[in-house]
Amino acid sequence: MKDTTTINAMRDALMAAINDLAADHPEVVLLEADLAGCLGSGSFKKLYPGRYFNCGIAEANMVAMAGGLSSVGLVPFAHSFGCFSSRRAYDQWFLSVNYARRRVHLIGTDPGITAQLNGGTHMPFEDIALMRQVPDIIIIEPSDAQSCYELAVQAYESGKSSYIRIPRKSVTHRYAPGKVQLGKAEIISEGSNVAIIATGELLVNEASKAVETLSGQGIKATLVDLHTIKPLDTELIAEVAARCGKVLVCENGRYAGGTGEAIAAFLAQTNPVKMDFVNVGERFGEVGKLAYLQQVFGFTAENIAQKAARLAKA
């Protein structure tokens, strides 16, 4: 099992996984939409030049091509920014890949506000909602380099298609090798007053800080890293909801069709509890650096702690 502690960016953890898979599996190929410099996929091109395809700024064509390559036994990884991988290529992803029962691993980088200065046109707040509509795929949003590497490998080993959602340049080191399992959420901290379920590096990190703030207020919070959004770890969600009776879901996206709505729908059927949410609401994105955008959209430890405290006391 590779140890990713020396890796300095999430994109490098993902490329390490793809390169290692390609070394052992000659059917693995990589498609890019003219963004090799953004993902760092030049490393793959150098190692496997005949298995690398730059499809140009034509994301829909790239995903359709990935479906075609899969039809002859290859296993493509295909990358673009999350806004293009999801919104622009959705019909090809839905029909040419998944309806046709092909196997493709679609990568959407810089999701939500992590698109930063690229602005609102490049901020896919609805990519999770779109991807959740595709039957029998895997959706992962890892919170650190190790889970990024291992979940990408496990998604390949599943034999299914997947959507991998990561920021490119930031990095966190949280898990030891061999800790993370696809489809099984991780409990980072234990408490009984409120459960915080967070997805992705940005919000898991902010929620971790919020847990410390809450502890200083005498509020004990369970923090769950929901790195696999589909399939949902309903067993763990049911467990923490029953223990805490209050659930706060934090996601770098929109509520409608997103992770929070998926969890709320599950709990409404099994164990209705008081809930609140940290998400973008009914807003479009905007241009700005990450710290500014976190304040605008409430993706801060302070806001998470305030919402969790109100919920715990409700």
C-alpha atoms as a PDB file:
ATOM      1  CA  MET A   1       0.000   0.000   0.000  1.00  0.00           C
ATOM      2  CA  LYS A   2       1.537   3.336  -1.051  1.00  0.00           C
ATOM      3  CA  ASP A   3       2.162   5.913   1.691  1.00  0.00           C
ATOM      4  CA  THR A   4       1.208   9.369   0.369  1.00  0.00           C
ATOM      5  CA  THR A   5       2.668  11.516   3.170  1.00  0.00           C
ATOM      6  CA  THR A   6       5.273  13.000   0.805  1.00  0.00           C
ATOM      7  CA  ILE A   7       2.640  14.027  -1.751  1.00  0.00           C
ATOM      8  CA  ASN A   8       1.965  17.778  -1.845  1.00  0.00           C
ATOM      9  CA  ALA A   9      -1.308  18.049  -3.779  1.00  0.00           C
ATOM     10  CA  MET A  10      -4.513  16.060  -4.123  1.00  0.00           C
ATOM     11  CA  ARG A  11      -4.033  15.861  -7.884  1.00  0.00           C
ATOM     12  CA  ASP A  12      -0.657  14.199  -7.327  1.00  0.00           C
ATOM     13  CA  ALA A  13      -2.261  11.577  -5.073  1.00  0.00           C
ATOM     14  CA  LEU A  14      -4.815  10.819  -7.766  1.00  0.00           C
ATOM     15  CA  MET A  15      -2.206  10.647 -10.516  1.00  0.00           C
ATOM     16  CA  ALA A  16      -0.094   8.328  -8.344  1.00  0.00           C
ATOM     17  CA  ALA A  17      -3.082   5.995  -8.120  1.00  0.00           C
ATOM     18  CA  ILE A  18      -3.761   6.100 -11.864  1.00  0.00           C
ATOM     19  CA  ASN A  19      -0.082   5.585 -12.744  1.00  0.00           C
ATOM     20  CA  ASP A  20       0.215   2.655 -10.341  1.00  0.00           C
ATOM     21  CA  LEU A  21      -2.959   1.073 -11.714  1.00  0.00           C
ATOM     22  CA  ALA A  22      -1.667   1.511 -15.251  1.00  0.00           C
ATOM     23  CA  ALA A  23       1.586  -0.256 -14.329  1.00  0.00           C
ATOM     24  CA  ASP A  24      -0.338  -3.368 -13.326  1.00  0.00           C
ATOM     25  CA  HIS A  25      -3.258  -3.130 -15.756  1.00  0.00           C
ATOM     26  CA  PRO A  26      -2.426  -2.461 -19.428  1.00  0.00           C
ATOM     27  CA  GLU A  27      -6.105  -1.731 -20.128  1.00  0.00           C
ATOM     28  CA  VAL A  28      -5.965   1.529 -18.120  1.00  0.00           C
ATOM     29  CA  VAL A  29      -5.904   4.636 -20.341  1.00  0.00           C
ATOM     30  CA  LEU A  30      -6.148   8.356 -19.563  1.00  0.00           C
ATOM     31  CA  LEU A  31      -8.136  11.000 -21.440  1.00  0.00           C
ATOM     32  CA  GLU A  32      -7.709  14.755 -20.941  1.00  0.00           C
ATOM     33  CA  ALA A  33      -9.623  17.791 -22.163  1.00  0.00           C
ATOM     34  CA  ASP A  34      -6.475  19.858 -22.788  1.00  0.00           C
ATOM     35  CA  LEU A  35      -5.817  20.179 -19.039  1.00  0.00           C
ATOM     36  CA  ALA A  36      -2.703  18.036 -18.562  1.00  0.00           C
ATOM     37  CA  GLY A  37      -0.936  20.842 -16.721  1.00  0.00           C
ATOM     38  CA  CYS A  38      -3.866  21.201 -14.354  1.00  0.00           C
ATOM     39  CA  LEU A  39      -3.991  17.543 -13.274  1.00  0.00           C
ATOM     40  CA  GLY A  40      -0.308  16.748 -13.701  1.00  0.00           C
ATOM     41  CA  SER A  41      -1.140  13.962 -16.116  1.00  0.00           C
ATOM     42  CA  GLY A  42       2.055  14.537 -18.045  1.00  0.00           C
ATOM     43  CA  SER A  43       3.513  11.858 -15.774  1.00  0.00           C
ATOM     44  CA  PHE A  44       1.129   9.310 -17.300  1.00  0.00           C
ATOM     45  CA  LYS A  45       1.885  10.484 -20.827  1.00  0.00           C
ATOM     46  CA  LYS A  46       5.610  10.065 -20.195  1.00  0.00           C
ATOM     47  CA  LEU A  47       5.170   6.547 -18.820  1.00  0.00           C
ATOM     48  CA  TYR A  48       2.476   5.348 -21.239  1.00  0.00           C
ATOM     49  CA  PRO A  49       2.467   7.589 -24.330  1.00  0.00           C
ATOM     50  CA  GLY A  50       0.339   5.190 -26.363  1.00  0.00           C
ATOM     51  CA  ARG A  51      -2.361   5.107 -23.687  1.00  0.00           C
ATOM     52  CA  TYR A  52      -2.766   8.876 -23.241  1.00  0.00           C
ATOM     53  CA  PHE A  53      -5.273  10.898 -25.283  1.00  0.00           C
ATOM     54  CA  ASN A  54      -5.597  14.676 -25.280  1.00  0.00           C
ATOM     55  CA  CYS A  55      -9.108  15.203 -26.618  1.00  0.00           C
ATOM     56  CA  GLY A  56      -8.894  18.990 -26.683  1.00  0.00           C
ATOM     57  CA  ILE A  57     -11.432  21.371 -25.220  1.00  0.00           C
ATOM     58  CA  ALA A  58     -14.280  19.038 -26.132  1.00  0.00           C
ATOM     59  CA  GLU A  59     -15.448  17.391 -22.938  1.00  0.00           C
ATOM     60  CA  ALA A  60     -18.582  15.773 -24.345  1.00  0.00           C
ATOM     61  CA  ASN A  61     -16.529  14.177 -27.110  1.00  0.00           C
ATOM     62  CA  MET A  62     -13.950  13.053 -24.546  1.00  0.00           C
ATOM     63  CA  VAL A  63     -16.541  11.222 -22.440  1.00  0.00           C
ATOM     64  CA  ALA A  64     -18.161   9.655 -25.514  1.00  0.00           C
ATOM     65  CA  MET A  65     -14.716   8.536 -26.634  1.00  0.00           C
ATOM     66  CA  ALA A  66     -14.103   7.052 -23.180  1.00  0.00           C
ATOM     67  CA  GLY A  67     -17.285   5.038 -23.576  1.00  0.00           C
ATOM     68  CA  GLY A  68     -16.093   3.791 -26.949  1.00  0.00           C
ATOM     69  CA  LEU A  69     -12.696   2.791 -25.576  1.00  0.00           C
ATOM     70  CA  SER A  70     -14.418   0.944 -22.746  1.00  0.00           C
ATOM     71  CA  SER A  71     -16.491  -0.992 -25.280  1.00  0.00           C
ATOM     72  CA  VAL A  72     -13.306  -2.669 -26.576  1.00  0.00           C
ATOM     73  CA  GLY A  73     -12.037  -3.645 -23.128  1.00  0.00           C
ATOM     74  CA  LEU A  74     -10.073  -0.593 -22.027  1.00  0.00           C
ATOM     75  CA  VAL A  75     -10.703   1.159 -18.698  1.00  0.00           C
ATOM     76  CA  PRO A  76     -10.495   4.925 -19.180  1.00  0.00           C
ATOM     77  CA  PHE A  77      -9.913   7.599 -16.580  1.00  0.00           C
ATOM     78  CA  ALA A  78     -11.179  10.884 -18.048  1.00  0.00           C
ATOM     79  CA  HIS A  79     -10.499  14.314 -16.561  1.00  0.00           C
ATOM     80  CA  SER A  80     -11.743  17.865 -16.785  1.00  0.00           C
ATOM     81  CA  PHE A  81     -12.745  20.568 -14.333  1.00  0.00           C
ATOM     82  CA  GLY A  82     -15.820  19.468 -12.380  1.00  0.00           C
ATOM     83  CA  CYS A  83     -18.116  21.938 -14.139  1.00  0.00           C
ATOM     84  CA  PHE A  84     -17.286  20.422 -17.520  1.00  0.00           C
ATOM     85  CA  SER A  85     -17.060  16.774 -16.454  1.00  0.00           C
ATOM     86  CA  SER A  86     -20.543  16.997 -14.983  1.00  0.00           C
ATOM     87  CA  ARG A  87     -22.662  19.650 -16.708  1.00  0.00           C
ATOM     88  CA  ARG A  88     -21.154  19.770 -20.176  1.00  0.00           C
ATOM     89  CA  ALA A  89     -20.613  16.045 -20.701  1.00  0.00           C
ATOM     90  CA  TYR A  90     -23.615  14.761 -18.764  1.00  0.00           C
ATOM     91  CA  ASP A  91     -25.599  13.304 -21.660  1.00  0.00           C
ATOM     92  CA  GLN A  92     -22.589  11.375 -22.936  1.00  0.00           C
ATOM     93  CA  TRP A  93     -21.771  10.219 -19.405  1.00  0.00           C
ATOM     94  CA  PHE A  94     -25.340   9.083 -18.815  1.00  0.00           C
ATOM     95  CA  LEU A  95     -25.935   7.388 -22.173  1.00  0.00           C
ATOM     96  CA  SER A  96     -22.656   6.559 -23.927  1.00  0.00           C
ATOM     97  CA  VAL A  97     -21.052   5.291 -20.723  1.00  0.00           C
ATOM     98  CA  ASN A  98     -23.530   4.211 -18.079  1.00  0.00           C
ATOM     99  CA  TYR A  99     -26.691   3.360 -20.033  1.00  0.00           C
ATOM    100  CA  ALA A 100     -24.413   1.386 -22.351  1.00  0.00           C
ATOM    101  CA  ARG A 101     -22.969  -0.428 -19.300  1.00  0.00           C
ATOM    102  CA  ARG A 102     -19.444   0.801 -19.934  1.00  0.00           C
ATOM    103  CA  ARG A 103     -16.752   1.266 -17.282  1.00  0.00           C
ATOM    104  CA  VAL A 104     -15.220   4.739 -17.048  1.00  0.00           C
ATOM    105  CA  HIS A 105     -13.763   6.722 -14.144  1.00  0.00           C
ATOM    106  CA  LEU A 106     -14.689  10.378 -14.581  1.00  0.00           C
ATOM    107  CA  ILE A 107     -12.661  12.981 -12.688  1.00  0.00           C
ATOM    108  CA  GLY A 108     -14.058  16.414 -11.799  1.00  0.00           C
ATOM    109  CA  THR A 109     -11.428  18.716 -10.293  1.00  0.00           C
ATOM    110  CA  ASP A 110     -11.860  21.976  -8.384  1.00  0.00           C
ATOM    111  CA  PRO A 111     -15.518  21.408  -7.445  1.00  0.00           C
ATOM    112  CA  GLY A 112     -17.648  24.061  -5.775  1.00  0.00           C
ATOM    113  CA  ILE A 113     -15.842  27.092  -4.393  1.00  0.00           C
ATOM    114  CA  THR A 114     -12.416  25.480  -4.842  1.00  0.00           C
ATOM    115  CA  ALA A 115     -12.579  26.791  -8.436  1.00  0.00           C
ATOM    116  CA  GLN A 116     -11.801  30.163  -6.795  1.00  0.00           C
ATOM    117  CA  LEU A 117     -10.697  32.791  -9.344  1.00  0.00           C
ATOM    118  CA  ASN A 118     -12.222  30.905 -12.262  1.00  0.00           C
ATOM    119  CA  GLY A 119     -15.516  32.147 -10.886  1.00  0.00           C
ATOM    120  CA  GLY A 120     -19.145  31.145 -10.938  1.00  0.00           C
ATOM    121  CA  THR A 121     -19.102  29.604 -14.426  1.00  0.00           C
ATOM    122  CA  HIS A 122     -16.545  27.071 -13.188  1.00  0.00           C
ATOM    123  CA  MET A 123     -18.193  26.216  -9.856  1.00  0.00           C
ATOM    124  CA  PRO A 124     -20.234  23.020 -10.099  1.00  0.00           C
ATOM    125  CA  PHE A 125     -22.490  23.108  -7.049  1.00  0.00           C
ATOM    126  CA  GLU A 126     -24.851  20.623  -8.697  1.00  0.00           C
ATOM    127  CA  ASP A 127     -22.450  17.908  -9.885  1.00  0.00           C
ATOM    128  CA  ILE A 128     -23.286  15.575  -6.985  1.00  0.00           C
ATOM    129  CA  ALA A 129     -27.004  15.976  -7.706  1.00  0.00           C
ATOM    130  CA  LEU A 130     -26.420  15.119 -11.359  1.00  0.00           C
ATOM    131  CA  MET A 131     -24.202  12.153 -10.616  1.00  0.00           C
ATOM    132  CA  ARG A 132     -26.607  10.721  -8.043  1.00  0.00           C
ATOM    133  CA  GLN A 133     -29.155  10.300 -10.827  1.00  0.00           C
ATOM    134  CA  VAL A 134     -26.926   7.825 -12.686  1.00  0.00           C
ATOM    135  CA  PRO A 135     -27.747   4.254 -11.634  1.00  0.00           C
ATOM    136  CA  ASP A 136     -25.125   2.052  -9.991  1.00  0.00           C
ATOM    137  CA  ILE A 137     -22.095   4.345 -10.134  1.00  0.00           C
ATOM    138  CA  ILE A 138     -19.666   5.253  -7.358  1.00  0.00           C
ATOM    139  CA  ILE A 139     -19.235   8.857  -6.193  1.00  0.00           C
ATOM    140  CA  ILE A 140     -16.225   9.677  -4.046  1.00  0.00           C
ATOM    141  CA  GLU A 141     -14.980  12.916  -2.500  1.00  0.00           C
ATOM    142  CA  PRO A 142     -11.862  12.134  -0.442  1.00  0.00           C
ATOM    143  CA  SER A 143     -10.670  14.392   2.362  1.00  0.00           C
ATOM    144  CA  ASP A 144      -6.945  13.676   2.217  1.00  0.00           C
ATOM    145  CA  ALA A 145      -4.177  12.396  -0.038  1.00  0.00           C
ATOM    146  CA  GLN A 146      -4.192   8.830   1.305  1.00  0.00           C
ATOM    147  CA  SER A 147      -7.936   8.394   0.902  1.00  0.00           C
ATOM    148  CA  CYS A 148      -7.728   9.951  -2.568  1.00  0.00           C
ATOM    149  CA  TYR A 149      -5.151   7.383  -3.630  1.00  0.00           C
ATOM    150  CA  GLU A 150      -6.838   4.394  -2.037  1.00  0.00           C
ATOM    151  CA  LEU A 151     -10.408   5.233  -3.032  1.00  0.00           C
ATOM    152  CA  ALA A 152      -9.381   5.719  -6.675  1.00  0.00           C
ATOM    153  CA  VAL A 153      -7.753   2.277  -6.626  1.00  0.00           C
ATOM    154  CA  GLN A 154     -10.782   0.722  -4.932  1.00  0.00           C
ATOM    155  CA  ALA A 155     -13.149   2.379  -7.411  1.00  0.00           C
ATOM    156  CA  TYR A 156     -11.157   0.747 -10.227  1.00  0.00           C
ATOM    157  CA  GLU A 157     -11.266  -2.614  -8.444  1.00  0.00           C
ATOM    158  CA  SER A 158     -15.054  -2.365  -8.007  1.00  0.00           C
ATOM    159  CA  GLY A 159     -15.624  -2.944 -11.716  1.00  0.00           C
ATOM    160  CA  LYS A 160     -18.082  -0.024 -11.815  1.00  0.00           C
ATOM    161  CA  SER A 161     -17.945   3.496 -13.194  1.00  0.00           C
ATOM    162  CA  SER A 162     -17.092   6.294 -10.784  1.00  0.00           C
ATOM    163  CA  TYR A 163     -17.096  10.059 -10.382  1.00  0.00           C
ATOM    164  CA  ILE A 164     -14.085  11.365  -8.443  1.00  0.00           C
ATOM    165  CA  ARG A 165     -14.435  14.887  -7.018  1.00  0.00           C
ATOM    166  CA  ILE A 166     -11.260  16.596  -5.722  1.00  0.00           C
ATOM    167  CA  PRO A 167      -9.540  19.973  -5.426  1.00  0.00           C
ATOM    168  CA  ARG A 168      -6.288  20.042  -7.359  1.00  0.00           C
ATOM    169  CA  LYS A 169      -3.616  21.894  -5.426  1.00  0.00           C
ATOM    170  CA  SER A 170      -4.454  21.651  -1.731  1.00  0.00           C
ATOM    171  CA  VAL A 171      -3.504  18.639   0.361  1.00  0.00           C
ATOM    172  CA  THR A 172      -4.245  17.169   3.789  1.00  0.00           C
ATOM    173  CA  HIS A 173      -2.642  14.134   5.411  1.00  0.00           C
ATOM    174  CA  ARG A 174      -5.130  12.447   7.741  1.00  0.00           C
ATOM    175  CA  TYR A 175      -5.233   8.667   7.274  1.00  0.00           C
ATOM    176  CA  ALA A 176      -2.643   5.934   7.565  1.00  0.00           C
ATOM    177  CA  PRO A 177      -2.300   3.516   4.643  1.00  0.00           C
ATOM    178  CA  GLY A 178      -4.964   0.807   4.590  1.00  0.00           C
ATOM    179  CA  LYS A 179      -7.426   2.687   6.794  1.00  0.00           C
ATOM    180  CA  VAL A 180     -10.028   3.853   4.271  1.00  0.00           C
ATOM    181  CA  GLN A 181     -12.605   1.563   2.676  1.00  0.00           C
ATOM    182  CA  LEU A 182     -14.858   2.465  -0.237  1.00  0.00           C
ATOM    183  CA  GLY A 183     -18.472   2.831   0.909  1.00  0.00           C
ATOM    184  CA  LYS A 184     -17.570   2.972   4.612  1.00  0.00           C
ATOM    185  CA  ALA A 185     -17.506   6.439   6.154  1.00  0.00           C
ATOM    186  CA  GLU A 186     -14.854   7.262   8.743  1.00  0.00           C
ATOM    187  CA  ILE A 187     -15.563   8.572  12.247  1.00  0.00           C
ATOM    188  CA  ILE A 188     -12.944  11.207  13.068  1.00  0.00           C
ATOM    189  CA  SER A 189     -14.250  12.160  16.504  1.00  0.00           C
ATOM    190  CA  GLU A 190     -16.835  10.698  18.890  1.00  0.00           C
ATOM    191  CA  GLY A 191     -19.558  12.588  20.750  1.00  0.00           C
ATOM    192  CA  SER A 192     -23.209  12.311  21.700  1.00  0.00           C
ATOM    193  CA  ASN A 193     -24.594  15.855  21.479  1.00  0.00           C
ATOM    194  CA  VAL A 194     -24.550  16.375  17.707  1.00  0.00           C
ATOM    195  CA  ALA A 195     -23.302  14.545  14.619  1.00  0.00           C
ATOM    196  CA  ILE A 196     -21.492  16.490  11.884  1.00  0.00           C
ATOM    197  CA  ILE A 197     -21.283  14.688   8.543  1.00  0.00           C
ATOM    198  CA  ALA A 198     -18.908  16.375   6.100  1.00  0.00           C
ATOM    199  CA  THR A 199     -17.670  15.617   2.598  1.00  0.00           C
ATOM    200  CA  GLY A 200     -14.420  16.597   0.901  1.00  0.00           C
ATOM    201  CA  GLU A 201     -11.137  18.047   2.072  1.00  0.00           C
ATOM    202  CA  LEU A 202     -12.292  21.628   2.615  1.00  0.00           C
ATOM    203  CA  LEU A 203     -15.328  20.929   4.766  1.00  0.00           C
ATOM    204  CA  VAL A 204     -13.905  17.966   6.666  1.00  0.00           C
ATOM    205  CA  ASN A 205     -10.984  20.198   7.651  1.00  0.00           C
ATOM    206  CA  GLU A 206     -13.261  23.059   8.715  1.00  0.00           C
ATOM    207  CA  ALA A 207     -15.569  20.676  10.562  1.00  0.00           C
ATOM    208  CA  SER A 208     -12.556  19.256  12.441  1.00  0.00           C
ATOM    209  CA  LYS A 209     -11.749  22.764  13.696  1.00  0.00           C
ATOM    210  CA  ALA A 210     -15.411  23.272  14.592  1.00  0.00           C
ATOM    211  CA  VAL A 211     -15.377  20.128  16.747  1.00  0.00           C
ATOM    212  CA  GLU A 212     -12.547  21.640  18.804  1.00  0.00           C
ATOM    213  CA  THR A 213     -14.521  24.862  19.246  1.00  0.00           C
ATOM    214  CA  LEU A 214     -17.599  22.931  20.305  1.00  0.00           C
ATOM    215  CA  SER A 215     -15.578  20.915  22.806  1.00  0.00           C
ATOM    216  CA  GLY A 216     -14.554  24.161  24.480  1.00  0.00           C
ATOM    217  CA  GLN A 217     -18.260  24.955  24.862  1.00  0.00           C
ATOM    218  CA  GLY A 218     -18.976  21.595  26.458  1.00  0.00           C
ATOM    219  CA  ILE A 219     -20.607  20.189  23.309  1.00  0.00           C
ATOM    220  CA  LYS A 220     -19.366  16.760  22.265  1.00  0.00           C
ATOM    221  CA  ALA A 221     -19.656  16.192  18.527  1.00  0.00           C
ATOM    222  CA  THR A 222     -19.276  13.137  16.374  1.00  0.00           C
ATOM    223  CA  LEU A 223     -17.523  14.011  13.106  1.00  0.00           C
ATOM    224  CA  VAL A 224     -18.009  11.727  10.105  1.00  0.00           C
ATOM    225  CA  ASP A 225     -15.911  11.925   6.949  1.00  0.00           C
ATOM    226  CA  LEU A 226     -18.381  10.804   4.274  1.00  0.00           C
ATOM    227  CA  HIS A 227     -15.795  10.208   1.545  1.00  0.00           C
ATOM    228  CA  THR A 228     -18.139   7.902  -0.400  1.00  0.00           C
ATOM    229  CA  ILE A 229     -21.355   9.689  -1.345  1.00  0.00           C
ATOM    230  CA  LYS A 230     -22.668   6.804  -3.418  1.00  0.00           C
ATOM    231  CA  PRO A 231     -23.209   4.172  -2.198  1.00  0.00           C
ATOM    232  CA  LEU A 232     -24.191   5.943   1.008  1.00  0.00           C
ATOM    233  CA  ASP A 233     -22.998   4.371   4.248  1.00  0.00           C
ATOM    234  CA  THR A 234     -26.522   4.133   5.660  1.00  0.00           C
ATOM    235  CA  GLU A 235     -25.466   1.832   8.487  1.00  0.00           C
ATOM    236  CA  LEU A 236     -23.068   4.388   9.979  1.00  0.00           C
ATOM    237  CA  ILE A 237     -25.425   7.308   9.317  1.00  0.00           C
ATOM    238  CA  ALA A 238     -28.221   5.482  11.139  1.00  0.00           C
ATOM    239  CA  GLU A 239     -25.884   4.723  14.036  1.00  0.00           C
ATOM    240  CA  VAL A 240     -24.682   8.301  14.609  1.00  0.00           C
ATOM    241  CA  ALA A 241     -28.161   9.743  14.090  1.00  0.00           C
ATOM    242  CA  ALA A 242     -29.570   7.386  16.735  1.00  0.00           C
ATOM    243  CA  ARG A 243     -26.760   8.206  19.160  1.00  0.00           C
ATOM    244  CA  CYS A 244     -26.825  11.990  18.727  1.00  0.00           C
ATOM    245  CA  GLY A 245     -30.393  12.752  17.646  1.00  0.00           C
ATOM    246  CA  LYS A 246     -29.097  15.846  15.800  1.00  0.00           C
ATOM    247  CA  VAL A 247     -27.323  15.839  12.428  1.00  0.00           C
ATOM    248  CA  LEU A 248     -25.533  18.659  10.582  1.00  0.00           C
ATOM    249  CA  VAL A 249     -24.475  17.906   6.990  1.00  0.00           C
ATOM    250  CA  CYS A 250     -21.710  20.009   5.420  1.00  0.00           C
ATOM    251  CA  GLU A 251     -21.039  19.924   1.665  1.00  0.00           C
ATOM    252  CA  ASN A 252     -19.369  22.094  -0.943  1.00  0.00           C
ATOM    253  CA  GLY A 253     -22.404  22.129  -3.185  1.00  0.00           C
ATOM    254  CA  ARG A 254     -26.140  22.586  -3.415  1.00  0.00           C
ATOM    255  CA  TYR A 255     -28.723  20.994  -1.103  1.00  0.00           C
ATOM    256  CA  ALA A 256     -31.145  20.048  -3.898  1.00  0.00           C
ATOM    257  CA  GLY A 257     -30.157  16.556  -4.966  1.00  0.00           C
ATOM    258  CA  GLY A 258     -26.942  16.710  -2.965  1.00  0.00           C
ATOM    259  CA  THR A 259     -25.458  14.809  -0.061  1.00  0.00           C
ATOM    260  CA  GLY A 260     -27.536  16.536   2.610  1.00  0.00           C
ATOM    261  CA  GLU A 261     -30.768  15.761   0.809  1.00  0.00           C
ATOM    262  CA  ALA A 262     -29.703  12.126   0.355  1.00  0.00           C
ATOM    263  CA  ILE A 263     -29.047  11.774   4.083  1.00  0.00           C
ATOM    264  CA  ALA A 264     -32.264  13.599   4.999  1.00  0.00           C
ATOM    265  CA  ALA A 265     -34.287  11.313   2.725  1.00  0.00           C
ATOM    266  CA  PHE A 266     -32.744   8.216   4.280  1.00  0.00           C
ATOM    267  CA  LEU A 267     -33.316   9.389   7.856  1.00  0.00           C
ATOM    268  CA  ALA A 268     -36.886  10.502   7.067  1.00  0.00           C
ATOM    269  CA  GLN A 269     -37.657   6.867   6.253  1.00  0.00           C
ATOM    270  CA  THR A 270     -35.757   5.272   9.123  1.00  0.00           C
ATOM    271  CA  ASN A 271     -35.223   7.639  12.066  1.00  0.00           C
ATOM    272  CA  PRO A 272     -36.332  11.268  11.621  1.00  0.00           C
ATOM    273  CA  VAL A 273     -34.039  13.553  13.640  1.00  0.00           C
ATOM    274  CA  LYS A 274     -33.426  17.289  13.852  1.00  0.00           C
ATOM    275  CA  MET A 275     -31.138  18.354  11.007  1.00  0.00           C
ATOM    276  CA  ASP A 276     -29.396  21.403   9.614  1.00  0.00           C
ATOM    277  CA  PHE A 277     -27.142  21.945   6.624  1.00  0.00           C
ATOM    278  CA  VAL A 278     -24.093  23.862   5.448  1.00  0.00           C
ATOM    279  CA  ASN A 279     -24.231  24.281   1.671  1.00  0.00           C
ATOM    280  CA  VAL A 280     -24.418  26.995  -0.985  1.00  0.00           C
ATOM    281  CA  GLY A 281     -28.197  27.307  -0.904  1.00  0.00           C
ATOM    282  CA  GLU A 282     -29.920  28.973  -3.852  1.00  0.00           C
ATOM    283  CA  ARG A 283     -26.879  30.867  -5.107  1.00  0.00           C
ATOM    284  CA  PHE A 284     -24.494  30.862  -8.025  1.00  0.00           C
ATOM    285  CA  GLY A 285     -20.751  31.011  -7.551  1.00  0.00           C
ATOM    286  CA  GLU A 286     -18.578  34.099  -7.812  1.00  0.00           C
ATOM    287  CA  VAL A 287     -14.960  35.096  -8.344  1.00  0.00           C
ATOM    288  CA  GLY A 288     -12.718  35.172  -5.304  1.00  0.00           C
ATOM    289  CA  LYS A 289      -9.950  33.532  -3.356  1.00  0.00           C
ATOM    290  CA  LEU A 290     -10.822  30.603  -1.137  1.00  0.00           C
ATOM    291  CA  ALA A 291     -10.769  32.422   2.212  1.00  0.00           C
ATOM    292  CA  TYR A 292     -13.173  35.067   0.869  1.00  0.00           C
ATOM    293  CA  LEU A 293     -15.497  32.487  -0.672  1.00  0.00           C
ATOM    294  CA  GLN A 294     -15.576  30.481   2.555  1.00  0.00           C
ATOM    295  CA  GLN A 295     -16.879  33.551   4.347  1.00  0.00           C
ATOM    296  CA  VAL A 296     -19.437  34.301   1.627  1.00  0.00           C
ATOM    297  CA  PHE A 297     -20.866  30.775   1.619  1.00  0.00           C
ATOM    298  CA  GLY A 298     -20.400  29.963   5.301  1.00  0.00           C
ATOM    299  CA  PHE A 299     -17.855  27.218   4.728  1.00  0.00           C
ATOM    300  CA  THR A 300     -15.914  28.112   7.866  1.00  0.00           C
ATOM    301  CA  ALA A 301     -15.247  26.375  11.155  1.00  0.00           C
ATOM    302  CA  GLU A 302     -16.962  29.275  12.911  1.00  0.00           C
ATOM    303  CA  ASN A 303     -20.211  28.903  10.971  1.00  0.00           C
ATOM    304  CA  ILE A 304     -20.183  25.121  11.294  1.00  0.00           C
ATOM    305  CA  ALA A 305     -19.643  25.394  15.057  1.00  0.00           C
ATOM    306  CA  GLN A 306     -22.454  27.942  15.404  1.00  0.00           C
ATOM    307  CA  LYS A 307     -24.921  25.801  13.463  1.00  0.00           C
ATOM    308  CA  ALA A 308     -23.899  22.655  15.335  1.00  0.00           C
ATOM    309  CA  ALA A 309     -24.251  24.407  18.720  1.00  0.00           C
ATOM    310  CA  ARG A 310     -27.726  25.700  17.881  1.00  0.00           C
ATOM    311  CA  LEU A 311     -28.727  22.251  16.716  1.00  0.00           C
ATOM    312  CA  ALA A 312     -27.317  20.559  19.816  1.00  0.00           C
ATOM    313  CA  LYS A 313     -29.354  22.893  22.028  1.00  0.00           C
ATOM    314  CA  ALA A 314     -32.573  22.649  20.003  1.00  0.00           C
END
